[in-house]
Amino acid sequence: MTNQHLKMTILEAVNNQLRENNPPITKMTLERLKKLGYTEKIAKEKIAAILLEEIYEVMKNNEVYNEERYSRKLRALK
């Protein structure tokens, strides 16, 4: 992500998901990525990229948030 304002906003959304544990897959993914050796910062950025993809899909296709799709993409992160 090159737009710093967008990056900060998406990372704030990831932090909100983590704080509220909603959806729980976000926290599970953060912990899994950290165990794989990623720093917390990099792990959050990887999650943020998936969140941004999901937002894009929702807006592009004029559809509702798809938690199953989001979760599947988070589980696939390495």
C-alpha atoms as a PDB file:
ATOM      1  CA  MET A   1       0.000   0.000   0.000  1.00  0.00           C
ATOM      2  CA  THR A   2       1.525   3.284  -1.018  1.00  0.00           C
ATOM      3  CA  ASN A   3      -1.094   5.769   0.167  1.00  0.00           C
ATOM      4  CA  GLN A   4      -0.067   6.414   3.793  1.00  0.00           C
ATOM      5  CA  HIS A   5      -3.460   7.740   4.867  1.00  0.00           C
ATOM      6  CA  LEU A   6      -5.190   4.662   3.444  1.00  0.00           C
ATOM      7  CA  LYS A   7      -2.584   2.404   5.052  1.00  0.00           C
ATOM      8  CA  MET A   8      -3.111   3.995   8.466  1.00  0.00           C
ATOM      9  CA  THR A   9      -6.892   3.710   8.139  1.00  0.00           C
ATOM     10  CA  ILE A  10      -6.787   0.040   7.167  1.00  0.00           C
ATOM     11  CA  LEU A  11      -4.291  -0.756   9.941  1.00  0.00           C
ATOM     12  CA  GLU A  12      -6.616   1.003  12.393  1.00  0.00           C
ATOM     13  CA  ALA A  13      -9.435  -1.280  11.211  1.00  0.00           C
ATOM     14  CA  VAL A  14      -7.182  -4.313  11.773  1.00  0.00           C
ATOM     15  CA  ASN A  15      -6.350  -3.045  15.273  1.00  0.00           C
ATOM     16  CA  ASN A  16     -10.082  -2.620  15.957  1.00  0.00           C
ATOM     17  CA  GLN A  17     -10.710  -6.200  14.823  1.00  0.00           C
ATOM     18  CA  LEU A  18      -7.945  -7.406  17.133  1.00  0.00           C
ATOM     19  CA  ARG A  19      -9.123  -5.355  20.120  1.00  0.00           C
ATOM     20  CA  GLU A  20     -12.746  -6.464  19.706  1.00  0.00           C
ATOM     21  CA  ASN A  21     -11.774  -9.993  18.654  1.00  0.00           C
ATOM     22  CA  ASN A  22     -14.243  -9.645  15.796  1.00  0.00           C
ATOM     23  CA  PRO A  23     -13.805 -11.619  13.680  1.00  0.00           C
ATOM     24  CA  PRO A  24     -11.718 -14.009  15.803  1.00  0.00           C
ATOM     25  CA  ILE A  25      -9.819 -15.210  12.709  1.00  0.00           C
ATOM     26  CA  THR A  26      -7.940 -11.897  12.669  1.00  0.00           C
ATOM     27  CA  LYS A  27      -6.318 -12.518  16.052  1.00  0.00           C
ATOM     28  CA  MET A  28      -5.685 -16.168  15.211  1.00  0.00           C
ATOM     29  CA  THR A  29      -3.997 -15.103  11.974  1.00  0.00           C
ATOM     30  CA  LEU A  30      -1.832 -12.521  13.741  1.00  0.00           C
ATOM     31  CA  GLU A  31      -0.633 -15.110  16.253  1.00  0.00           C
ATOM     32  CA  ARG A  32      -0.017 -17.702  13.528  1.00  0.00           C
ATOM     33  CA  LEU A  33       2.004 -15.266  11.413  1.00  0.00           C
ATOM     34  CA  LYS A  34       4.076 -14.234  14.425  1.00  0.00           C
ATOM     35  CA  LYS A  35       4.835 -17.904  15.108  1.00  0.00           C
ATOM     36  CA  LEU A  36       5.994 -18.178  11.493  1.00  0.00           C
ATOM     37  CA  GLY A  37       8.553 -15.468  12.265  1.00  0.00           C
ATOM     38  CA  TYR A  38       6.871 -12.283  11.067  1.00  0.00           C
ATOM     39  CA  THR A  39       7.076  -9.208  13.244  1.00  0.00           C
ATOM     40  CA  GLU A  40       3.779  -7.940  14.596  1.00  0.00           C
ATOM     41  CA  LYS A  41       4.027  -4.936  12.264  1.00  0.00           C
ATOM     42  CA  ILE A  42       4.540  -7.043   9.142  1.00  0.00           C
ATOM     43  CA  ALA A  43       1.844  -9.522  10.210  1.00  0.00           C
ATOM     44  CA  LYS A  44      -0.652  -6.695  10.660  1.00  0.00           C
ATOM     45  CA  GLU A  45       0.292  -5.279   7.259  1.00  0.00           C
ATOM     46  CA  LYS A  46      -0.347  -8.668   5.649  1.00  0.00           C
ATOM     47  CA  ILE A  47      -3.756  -8.852   7.343  1.00  0.00           C
ATOM     48  CA  ALA A  48      -4.457  -5.263   6.275  1.00  0.00           C
ATOM     49  CA  ALA A  49      -3.748  -6.178   2.656  1.00  0.00           C
ATOM     50  CA  ILE A  50      -6.380  -8.927   2.834  1.00  0.00           C
ATOM     51  CA  LEU A  51      -8.857  -6.551   4.480  1.00  0.00           C
ATOM     52  CA  LEU A  52      -8.260  -4.037   1.711  1.00  0.00           C
ATOM     53  CA  GLU A  53      -8.897  -6.771  -0.883  1.00  0.00           C
ATOM     54  CA  GLU A  54     -12.189  -7.608   0.816  1.00  0.00           C
ATOM     55  CA  ILE A  55     -13.246  -3.959   0.914  1.00  0.00           C
ATOM     56  CA  TYR A  56     -12.398  -3.645  -2.768  1.00  0.00           C
ATOM     57  CA  GLU A  57     -14.457  -6.730  -3.683  1.00  0.00           C
ATOM     58  CA  VAL A  58     -17.446  -5.465  -1.688  1.00  0.00           C
ATOM     59  CA  MET A  59     -17.330  -2.058  -3.351  1.00  0.00           C
ATOM     60  CA  LYS A  60     -16.537  -3.315  -6.859  1.00  0.00           C
ATOM     61  CA  ASN A  61     -19.340  -5.863  -6.898  1.00  0.00           C
ATOM     62  CA  ASN A  62     -21.768  -3.877  -4.752  1.00  0.00           C
ATOM     63  CA  GLU A  63     -22.138  -6.771  -2.332  1.00  0.00           C
ATOM     64  CA  VAL A  64     -22.151  -7.313   1.409  1.00  0.00           C
ATOM     65  CA  TYR A  65     -19.062  -8.185   3.443  1.00  0.00           C
ATOM     66  CA  ASN A  66     -18.281 -11.876   3.064  1.00  0.00           C
ATOM     67  CA  GLU A  67     -16.697 -13.095   6.304  1.00  0.00           C
ATOM     68  CA  GLU A  68     -16.186 -16.590   4.907  1.00  0.00           C
ATOM     69  CA  ARG A  69     -14.157 -15.239   1.963  1.00  0.00           C
ATOM     70  CA  TYR A  70     -12.192 -12.933   4.276  1.00  0.00           C
ATOM     71  CA  SER A  71     -11.460 -15.814   6.670  1.00  0.00           C
ATOM     72  CA  ARG A  72     -10.392 -18.102   3.832  1.00  0.00           C
ATOM     73  CA  LYS A  73      -7.902 -15.495   2.587  1.00  0.00           C
ATOM     74  CA  LEU A  74      -6.527 -14.935   6.087  1.00  0.00           C
ATOM     75  CA  ARG A  75      -6.056 -18.681   6.579  1.00  0.00           C
ATOM     76  CA  ALA A  76      -4.088 -18.802   3.311  1.00  0.00           C
ATOM     77  CA  LEU A  77      -1.583 -16.136   4.397  1.00  0.00           C
ATOM     78  CA  LYS A  78       1.989 -17.370   4.757  1.00  0.00           C
END
